[in-house]
Structure formats: C-alpha cells, structure tokens
Amino acid sequence: AAAFVTVPLLAFLATIFFLFAYSTKFNERFKGFCFPLMDFIRCVIASIIFFIISIMAVSKYPDGSSKAAGVMSTFTSAKYKK
C-alpha cells in the first residue's frame, strides 16, 4: 500500500516545485528548458502512473473498497490530464 501513497505525494511535491519556480521567476534562469512543456509532461506522466496504480489496486486486492478505489482512480486519472 506504500506505492498508493508515494505516487500522489511525489506528484504533489512536483506540483509544489513548479508552483515555486513560477512564483519566484526561478524558471527564467534556465533558458534551455520549456517549463510549460515540462509541466504538461509531468501531468501526463502522473496520469499514466495513477492509471497503472488503479489497475494494480483492482487486481491485487479482492475486496469491494479496493475495486471502488480503483474505479475512482481510473476516472481521476482520465480527468487529471490538462
């Protein structure tokens, strides 16, 4: 169950980093990186990982609450994309 908590935590920390970079104009120091593209890629990767974890939750745990959580995670990962 640690993976089910770790991935949202890492996605949250990445979001906080991008928010910090935009608010302090830290992203302007790095001219080679396209920060909006990096933020979009972060969102897509997080959505894919959330989808994989939702499939793992449905297949690994047979109880009803895990299946409901897997279904809701699938809907959330489909909605998570920008």
PDB file of N, CA and C in Angstrom:
ATOM      1  N   ALA A   1       0.805  -1.190   0.000  1.00  0.00           N
ATOM      2  CA  ALA A   1       0.000   0.000   0.000  1.00  0.00           C
ATOM      3  C   ALA A   1       0.855   1.264   0.000  1.00  0.00           C
ATOM      4  N   ALA A   2       2.166   1.125   0.173  1.00  0.00           N
ATOM      5  CA  ALA A   2       3.037   2.302   0.194  1.00  0.00           C
ATOM      6  C   ALA A   2       3.089   2.977  -1.171  1.00  0.00           C
ATOM      7  N   ALA A   3       2.996   2.203  -2.238  1.00  0.00           N
ATOM      8  CA  ALA A   3       3.025   2.804  -3.582  1.00  0.00           C
ATOM      9  C   ALA A   3       1.794   3.657  -3.838  1.00  0.00           C
ATOM     10  N   PHE A   4       0.668   3.278  -3.222  1.00  0.00           N
ATOM     11  CA  PHE A   4      -0.559   4.047  -3.413  1.00  0.00           C
ATOM     12  C   PHE A   4      -0.475   5.406  -2.736  1.00  0.00           C
ATOM     13  N   VAL A   5       0.407   5.552  -1.759  1.00  0.00           N
ATOM     14  CA  VAL A   5       0.582   6.824  -1.063  1.00  0.00           C
ATOM     15  C   VAL A   5       1.772   7.595  -1.631  1.00  0.00           C
ATOM     16  N   THR A   6       2.797   6.885  -2.061  1.00  0.00           N
ATOM     17  CA  THR A   6       4.027   7.521  -2.530  1.00  0.00           C
ATOM     18  C   THR A   6       3.818   8.289  -3.830  1.00  0.00           C
ATOM     19  N   VAL A   7       3.116   7.718  -4.763  1.00  0.00           N
ATOM     20  CA  VAL A   7       2.949   8.365  -6.066  1.00  0.00           C
ATOM     21  C   VAL A   7       2.176   9.681  -5.965  1.00  0.00           C
ATOM     22  N   PRO A   8       1.048   9.744  -5.257  1.00  0.00           N
ATOM     23  CA  PRO A   8       0.395  11.059  -5.120  1.00  0.00           C
ATOM     24  C   PRO A   8       1.254  12.071  -4.371  1.00  0.00           C
ATOM     25  N   LEU A   9       2.035  11.602  -3.404  1.00  0.00           N
ATOM     26  CA  LEU A   9       2.920  12.502  -2.677  1.00  0.00           C
ATOM     27  C   LEU A   9       3.994  13.076  -3.598  1.00  0.00           C
ATOM     28  N   LEU A  10       4.592  12.247  -4.442  1.00  0.00           N
ATOM     29  CA  LEU A  10       5.598  12.738  -5.389  1.00  0.00           C
ATOM     30  C   LEU A  10       4.980  13.674  -6.422  1.00  0.00           C
ATOM     31  N   ALA A  11       3.773  13.376  -6.873  1.00  0.00           N
ATOM     32  CA  ALA A  11       3.091  14.275  -7.819  1.00  0.00           C
ATOM     33  C   ALA A  11       2.802  15.618  -7.158  1.00  0.00           C
ATOM     34  N   PHE A  12       2.420  15.588  -5.888  1.00  0.00           N
ATOM     35  CA  PHE A  12       2.161  16.821  -5.152  1.00  0.00           C
ATOM     36  C   PHE A  12       3.449  17.634  -4.985  1.00  0.00           C
ATOM     37  N   LEU A  13       4.547  16.971  -4.649  1.00  0.00           N
ATOM     38  CA  LEU A  13       5.816  17.683  -4.487  1.00  0.00           C
ATOM     39  C   LEU A  13       6.304  18.279  -5.800  1.00  0.00           C
ATOM     40  N   ALA A  14       6.109  17.566  -6.908  1.00  0.00           N
ATOM     41  CA  ALA A  14       6.481  18.118  -8.210  1.00  0.00           C
ATOM     42  C   ALA A  14       5.634  19.336  -8.548  1.00  0.00           C
ATOM     43  N   THR A  15       4.364  19.290  -8.203  1.00  0.00           N
ATOM     44  CA  THR A  15       3.485  20.439  -8.438  1.00  0.00           C
ATOM     45  C   THR A  15       3.914  21.634  -7.601  1.00  0.00           C
ATOM     46  N   ILE A  16       4.274  21.386  -6.352  1.00  0.00           N
ATOM     47  CA  ILE A  16       4.759  22.460  -5.482  1.00  0.00           C
ATOM     48  C   ILE A  16       6.053  23.058  -6.041  1.00  0.00           C
ATOM     49  N   PHE A  17       6.936  22.217  -6.581  1.00  0.00           N
ATOM     50  CA  PHE A  17       8.170  22.722  -7.176  1.00  0.00           C
ATOM     51  C   PHE A  17       7.880  23.634  -8.358  1.00  0.00           C
ATOM     52  N   PHE A  18       6.985  23.218  -9.240  1.00  0.00           N
ATOM     53  CA  PHE A  18       6.659  24.058 -10.394  1.00  0.00           C
ATOM     54  C   PHE A  18       5.966  25.348  -9.971  1.00  0.00           C
ATOM     55  N   LEU A  19       5.115  25.280  -8.954  1.00  0.00           N
ATOM     56  CA  LEU A  19       4.481  26.484  -8.438  1.00  0.00           C
ATOM     57  C   LEU A  19       5.525  27.437  -7.860  1.00  0.00           C
ATOM     58  N   PHE A  20       6.478  26.893  -7.122  1.00  0.00           N
ATOM     59  CA  PHE A  20       7.558  27.700  -6.558  1.00  0.00           C
ATOM     60  C   PHE A  20       8.416  28.312  -7.664  1.00  0.00           C
ATOM     61  N   ALA A  21       8.709  27.524  -8.702  1.00  0.00           N
ATOM     62  CA  ALA A  21       9.537  28.016  -9.801  1.00  0.00           C
ATOM     63  C   ALA A  21       8.845  29.159 -10.545  1.00  0.00           C
ATOM     64  N   TYR A  22       7.543  29.039 -10.764  1.00  0.00           N
ATOM     65  CA  TYR A  22       6.819  30.104 -11.448  1.00  0.00           C
ATOM     66  C   TYR A  22       6.669  31.348 -10.585  1.00  0.00           C
ATOM     67  N   SER A  23       6.386  31.162  -9.304  1.00  0.00           N
ATOM     68  CA  SER A  23       6.124  32.319  -8.448  1.00  0.00           C
ATOM     69  C   SER A  23       7.373  33.118  -8.119  1.00  0.00           C
ATOM     70  N   THR A  24       8.536  32.477  -8.115  1.00  0.00           N
ATOM     71  CA  THR A  24       9.791  33.190  -7.812  1.00  0.00           C
ATOM     72  C   THR A  24      10.592  33.521  -9.062  1.00  0.00           C
ATOM     73  N   LYS A  25      10.018  33.274 -10.230  1.00  0.00           N
ATOM     74  CA  LYS A  25      10.696  33.515 -11.522  1.00  0.00           C
ATOM     75  C   LYS A  25      11.996  32.709 -11.639  1.00  0.00           C
ATOM     76  N   PHE A  26      12.030  31.574 -10.928  1.00  0.00           N
ATOM     77  CA  PHE A  26      13.199  30.695 -10.968  1.00  0.00           C
ATOM     78  C   PHE A  26      13.357  30.049 -12.341  1.00  0.00           C
ATOM     79  N   ASN A  27      12.252  29.856 -13.037  1.00  0.00           N
ATOM     80  CA  ASN A  27      12.290  29.208 -14.342  1.00  0.00           C
ATOM     81  C   ASN A  27      12.938  30.075 -15.415  1.00  0.00           C
ATOM     82  N   GLU A  28      13.041  31.379 -15.188  1.00  0.00           N
ATOM     83  CA  GLU A  28      13.660  32.256 -16.195  1.00  0.00           C
ATOM     84  C   GLU A  28      15.180  32.114 -16.241  1.00  0.00           C
ATOM     85  N   ARG A  29      15.775  31.512 -15.225  1.00  0.00           N
ATOM     86  CA  ARG A  29      17.228  31.301 -15.216  1.00  0.00           C
ATOM     87  C   ARG A  29      17.647  30.196 -16.179  1.00  0.00           C
ATOM     88  N   PHE A  30      16.749  29.281 -16.456  1.00  0.00           N
ATOM     89  CA  PHE A  30      17.057  28.145 -17.313  1.00  0.00           C
ATOM     90  C   PHE A  30      16.396  28.363 -18.668  1.00  0.00           C
ATOM     91  N   LYS A  31      17.145  28.893 -19.597  1.00  0.00           N
ATOM     92  CA  LYS A  31      16.590  29.232 -20.915  1.00  0.00           C
ATOM     93  C   LYS A  31      16.404  28.000 -21.798  1.00  0.00           C
ATOM     94  N   GLY A  32      17.144  26.915 -21.511  1.00  0.00           N
ATOM     95  CA  GLY A  32      17.064  25.730 -22.355  1.00  0.00           C
ATOM     96  C   GLY A  32      15.845  24.871 -22.113  1.00  0.00           C
ATOM     97  N   PHE A  33      15.173  25.068 -20.974  1.00  0.00           N
ATOM     98  CA  PHE A  33      14.016  24.258 -20.629  1.00  0.00           C
ATOM     99  C   PHE A  33      12.729  25.018 -20.921  1.00  0.00           C
ATOM    100  N   CYS A  34      11.796  24.332 -21.499  1.00  0.00           N
ATOM    101  CA  CYS A  34      10.471  24.907 -21.719  1.00  0.00           C
ATOM    102  C   CYS A  34       9.584  24.445 -20.554  1.00  0.00           C
ATOM    103  N   PHE A  35       9.430  25.315 -19.564  1.00  0.00           N
ATOM    104  CA  PHE A  35       8.730  24.924 -18.342  1.00  0.00           C
ATOM    105  C   PHE A  35       7.264  24.575 -18.557  1.00  0.00           C
ATOM    106  N   PRO A  36       6.523  25.263 -19.425  1.00  0.00           N
ATOM    107  CA  PRO A  36       5.138  24.805 -19.659  1.00  0.00           C
ATOM    108  C   PRO A  36       5.082  23.390 -20.249  1.00  0.00           C
ATOM    109  N   LEU A  37       6.031  23.065 -21.117  1.00  0.00           N
ATOM    110  CA  LEU A  37       6.079  21.711 -21.668  1.00  0.00           C
ATOM    111  C   LEU A  37       6.455  20.707 -20.587  1.00  0.00           C
ATOM    112  N   MET A  38       7.399  21.066 -19.723  1.00  0.00           N
ATOM    113  CA  MET A  38       7.780  20.180 -18.630  1.00  0.00           C
ATOM    114  C   MET A  38       6.614  19.956 -17.674  1.00  0.00           C
ATOM    115  N   ASP A  39       5.828  20.988 -17.420  1.00  0.00           N
ATOM    116  CA  ASP A  39       4.657  20.850 -16.557  1.00  0.00           C
ATOM    117  C   ASP A  39       3.614  19.943 -17.206  1.00  0.00           C
ATOM    118  N   PHE A  40       3.424  20.082 -18.501  1.00  0.00           N
ATOM    119  CA  PHE A  40       2.491  19.213 -19.215  1.00  0.00           C
ATOM    120  C   PHE A  40       2.955  17.766 -19.177  1.00  0.00           C
ATOM    121  N   ILE A  41       4.247  17.534 -19.395  1.00  0.00           N
ATOM    122  CA  ILE A  41       4.791  16.175 -19.353  1.00  0.00           C
ATOM    123  C   ILE A  41       4.634  15.589 -17.955  1.00  0.00           C
ATOM    124  N   ARG A  42       4.827  16.417 -16.918  1.00  0.00           N
ATOM    125  CA  ARG A  42       4.632  15.963 -15.546  1.00  0.00           C
ATOM    126  C   ARG A  42       3.197  15.511 -15.333  1.00  0.00           C
ATOM    127  N   CYS A  43       2.259  16.265 -15.862  1.00  0.00           N
ATOM    128  CA  CYS A  43       0.843  15.903 -15.725  1.00  0.00           C
ATOM    129  C   CYS A  43       0.520  14.599 -16.450  1.00  0.00           C
ATOM    130  N   VAL A  44       1.065  14.429 -17.630  1.00  0.00           N
ATOM    131  CA  VAL A  44       0.805  13.214 -18.395  1.00  0.00           C
ATOM    132  C   VAL A  44       1.415  12.003 -17.698  1.00  0.00           C
ATOM    133  N   ILE A  45       2.643  12.133 -17.223  1.00  0.00           N
ATOM    134  CA  ILE A  45       3.290  11.020 -16.532  1.00  0.00           C
ATOM    135  C   ILE A  45       2.539  10.675 -15.246  1.00  0.00           C
ATOM    136  N   ALA A  46       2.123  11.679 -14.495  1.00  0.00           N
ATOM    137  CA  ALA A  46       1.356  11.421 -13.270  1.00  0.00           C
ATOM    138  C   ALA A  46       0.041  10.727 -13.594  1.00  0.00           C
ATOM    139  N   SER A  47      -0.605  11.121 -14.663  1.00  0.00           N
ATOM    140  CA  SER A  47      -1.858  10.492 -15.053  1.00  0.00           C
ATOM    141  C   SER A  47      -1.647   9.025 -15.420  1.00  0.00           C
ATOM    142  N   ILE A  48      -0.590   8.731 -16.146  1.00  0.00           N
ATOM    143  CA  ILE A  48      -0.286   7.346 -16.531  1.00  0.00           C
ATOM    144  C   ILE A  48       0.029   6.510 -15.296  1.00  0.00           C
ATOM    145  N   ILE A  49       0.810   7.065 -14.383  1.00  0.00           N
ATOM    146  CA  ILE A  49       1.164   6.323 -13.171  1.00  0.00           C
ATOM    147  C   ILE A  49      -0.070   6.105 -12.300  1.00  0.00           C
ATOM    148  N   PHE A  50      -0.937   7.107 -12.172  1.00  0.00           N
ATOM    149  CA  PHE A  50      -2.181   6.921 -11.416  1.00  0.00           C
ATOM    150  C   PHE A  50      -3.040   5.829 -12.046  1.00  0.00           C
ATOM    151  N   PHE A  51      -3.077   5.780 -13.361  1.00  0.00           N
ATOM    152  CA  PHE A  51      -3.861   4.755 -14.045  1.00  0.00           C
ATOM    153  C   PHE A  51      -3.288   3.367 -13.777  1.00  0.00           C
ATOM    154  N   ILE A  52      -1.966   3.228 -13.820  1.00  0.00           N
ATOM    155  CA  ILE A  52      -1.325   1.934 -13.540  1.00  0.00           C
ATOM    156  C   ILE A  52      -1.601   1.505 -12.110  1.00  0.00           C
ATOM    157  N   ILE A  53      -1.511   2.437 -11.181  1.00  0.00           N
ATOM    158  CA  ILE A  53      -1.760   2.091  -9.776  1.00  0.00           C
ATOM    159  C   ILE A  53      -3.224   1.717  -9.558  1.00  0.00           C
ATOM    160  N   SER A  54      -4.137   2.357 -10.263  1.00  0.00           N
ATOM    161  CA  SER A  54      -5.542   1.982 -10.106  1.00  0.00           C
ATOM    162  C   SER A  54      -5.795   0.571 -10.628  1.00  0.00           C
ATOM    163  N   ILE A  55      -5.124   0.191 -11.711  1.00  0.00           N
ATOM    164  CA  ILE A  55      -5.248  -1.178 -12.216  1.00  0.00           C
ATOM    165  C   ILE A  55      -4.646  -2.162 -11.220  1.00  0.00           C
ATOM    166  N   MET A  56      -3.511  -1.786 -10.623  1.00  0.00           N
ATOM    167  CA  MET A  56      -2.896  -2.653  -9.610  1.00  0.00           C
ATOM    168  C   MET A  56      -3.808  -2.820  -8.397  1.00  0.00           C
ATOM    169  N   ALA A  57      -4.472  -1.775  -7.981  1.00  0.00           N
ATOM    170  CA  ALA A  57      -5.365  -1.857  -6.820  1.00  0.00           C
ATOM    171  C   ALA A  57      -6.543  -2.777  -7.099  1.00  0.00           C
ATOM    172  N   VAL A  58      -7.073  -2.717  -8.302  1.00  0.00           N
ATOM    173  CA  VAL A  58      -8.207  -3.571  -8.644  1.00  0.00           C
ATOM    174  C   VAL A  58      -7.780  -5.032  -8.741  1.00  0.00           C
ATOM    175  N   SER A  59      -6.595  -5.282  -9.297  1.00  0.00           N
ATOM    176  CA  SER A  59      -6.177  -6.665  -9.498  1.00  0.00           C
ATOM    177  C   SER A  59      -5.552  -7.294  -8.255  1.00  0.00           C
ATOM    178  N   LYS A  60      -4.964  -6.495  -7.374  1.00  0.00           N
ATOM    179  CA  LYS A  60      -4.249  -7.064  -6.230  1.00  0.00           C
ATOM    180  C   LYS A  60      -5.157  -7.354  -5.044  1.00  0.00           C
ATOM    181  N   TYR A  61      -6.077  -6.456  -4.756  1.00  0.00           N
ATOM    182  CA  TYR A  61      -6.930  -6.602  -3.583  1.00  0.00           C
ATOM    183  C   TYR A  61      -8.344  -6.968  -4.018  1.00  0.00           C
ATOM    184  N   PRO A  62      -8.894  -8.074  -3.491  1.00  0.00           N
ATOM    185  CA  PRO A  62     -10.200  -8.541  -3.975  1.00  0.00           C
ATOM    186  C   PRO A  62     -11.416  -7.893  -3.313  1.00  0.00           C
ATOM    187  N   ASP A  63     -11.229  -7.096  -2.281  1.00  0.00           N
ATOM    188  CA  ASP A  63     -12.395  -6.555  -1.581  1.00  0.00           C
ATOM    189  C   ASP A  63     -13.054  -5.433  -2.375  1.00  0.00           C
ATOM    190  N   GLY A  64     -14.262  -5.100  -1.972  1.00  0.00           N
ATOM    191  CA  GLY A  64     -15.070  -4.125  -2.711  1.00  0.00           C
ATOM    192  C   GLY A  64     -14.545  -2.711  -2.627  1.00  0.00           C
ATOM    193  N   SER A  65     -13.968  -2.348  -1.489  1.00  0.00           N
ATOM    194  CA  SER A  65     -13.476  -0.973  -1.353  1.00  0.00           C
ATOM    195  C   SER A  65     -12.278  -0.718  -2.260  1.00  0.00           C
ATOM    196  N   SER A  66     -11.419  -1.712  -2.445  1.00  0.00           N
ATOM    197  CA  SER A  66     -10.280  -1.537  -3.357  1.00  0.00           C
ATOM    198  C   SER A  66     -10.743  -1.433  -4.802  1.00  0.00           C
ATOM    199  N   LYS A  67     -11.773  -2.199  -5.140  1.00  0.00           N
ATOM    200  CA  LYS A  67     -12.308  -2.100  -6.504  1.00  0.00           C
ATOM    201  C   LYS A  67     -12.949  -0.733  -6.737  1.00  0.00           C
ATOM    202  N   ALA A  68     -13.652  -0.222  -5.741  1.00  0.00           N
ATOM    203  CA  ALA A  68     -14.249   1.111  -5.874  1.00  0.00           C
ATOM    204  C   ALA A  68     -13.163   2.174  -5.968  1.00  0.00           C
ATOM    205  N   ALA A  69     -12.107   2.026  -5.180  1.00  0.00           N
ATOM    206  CA  ALA A  69     -10.994   2.975  -5.252  1.00  0.00           C
ATOM    207  C   ALA A  69     -10.299   2.896  -6.605  1.00  0.00           C
ATOM    208  N   GLY A  70     -10.172   1.707  -7.160  1.00  0.00           N
ATOM    209  CA  GLY A  70      -9.568   1.556  -8.479  1.00  0.00           C
ATOM    210  C   GLY A  70     -10.393   2.195  -9.567  1.00  0.00           C
ATOM    211  N   VAL A  71     -11.709   2.047  -9.479  1.00  0.00           N
ATOM    212  CA  VAL A  71     -12.590   2.668 -10.474  1.00  0.00           C
ATOM    213  C   VAL A  71     -12.523   4.186 -10.367  1.00  0.00           C
ATOM    214  N   MET A  72     -12.568   4.697  -9.140  1.00  0.00           N
ATOM    215  CA  MET A  72     -12.495   6.153  -8.957  1.00  0.00           C
ATOM    216  C   MET A  72     -11.128   6.692  -9.391  1.00  0.00           C
ATOM    217  N   SER A  73     -10.061   5.931  -9.159  1.00  0.00           N
ATOM    218  CA  SER A  73      -8.731   6.363  -9.605  1.00  0.00           C
ATOM    219  C   SER A  73      -8.645   6.386 -11.120  1.00  0.00           C
ATOM    220  N   THR A  74      -9.315   5.435 -11.769  1.00  0.00           N
ATOM    221  CA  THR A  74      -9.335   5.434 -13.231  1.00  0.00           C
ATOM    222  C   THR A  74     -10.025   6.690 -13.749  1.00  0.00           C
ATOM    223  N   PHE A  75     -11.153   7.058 -13.141  1.00  0.00           N
ATOM    224  CA  PHE A  75     -11.834   8.294 -13.548  1.00  0.00           C
ATOM    225  C   PHE A  75     -10.982   9.517 -13.261  1.00  0.00           C
ATOM    226  N   THR A  76     -10.300   9.509 -12.119  1.00  0.00           N
ATOM    227  CA  THR A  76      -9.449  10.644 -11.758  1.00  0.00           C
ATOM    228  C   THR A  76      -8.276  10.762 -12.714  1.00  0.00           C
ATOM    229  N   SER A  77      -7.667   9.654 -13.076  1.00  0.00           N
ATOM    230  CA  SER A  77      -6.520   9.731 -13.994  1.00  0.00           C
ATOM    231  C   SER A  77      -6.955  10.177 -15.382  1.00  0.00           C
ATOM    232  N   ALA A  78      -8.164   9.841 -15.787  1.00  0.00           N
ATOM    233  CA  ALA A  78      -8.663  10.305 -17.078  1.00  0.00           C
ATOM    234  C   ALA A  78      -8.956  11.802 -17.034  1.00  0.00           C
ATOM    235  N   LYS A  79      -9.363  12.302 -15.888  1.00  0.00           N
ATOM    236  CA  LYS A  79      -9.680  13.716 -15.734  1.00  0.00           C
ATOM    237  C   LYS A  79      -8.439  14.553 -15.417  1.00  0.00           C
ATOM    238  N   TYR A  80      -7.351  13.919 -14.951  1.00  0.00           N
ATOM    239  CA  TYR A  80      -6.166  14.626 -14.467  1.00  0.00           C
ATOM    240  C   TYR A  80      -5.412  15.341 -15.590  1.00  0.00           C
ATOM    241  N   LYS A  81      -5.540  14.857 -16.811  1.00  0.00           N
ATOM    242  CA  LYS A  81      -4.805  15.467 -17.928  1.00  0.00           C
ATOM    243  C   LYS A  81      -5.305  16.876 -18.181  1.00  0.00           C
ATOM    244  N   LYS A  82      -4.398  17.750 -18.574  1.00  0.00           N
ATOM    245  CA  LYS A  82      -4.772  19.127 -18.854  1.00  0.00           C
ATOM    246  C   LYS A  82      -5.478  19.262 -20.175  1.00  0.00           C
TER     247      LYS A  82
END
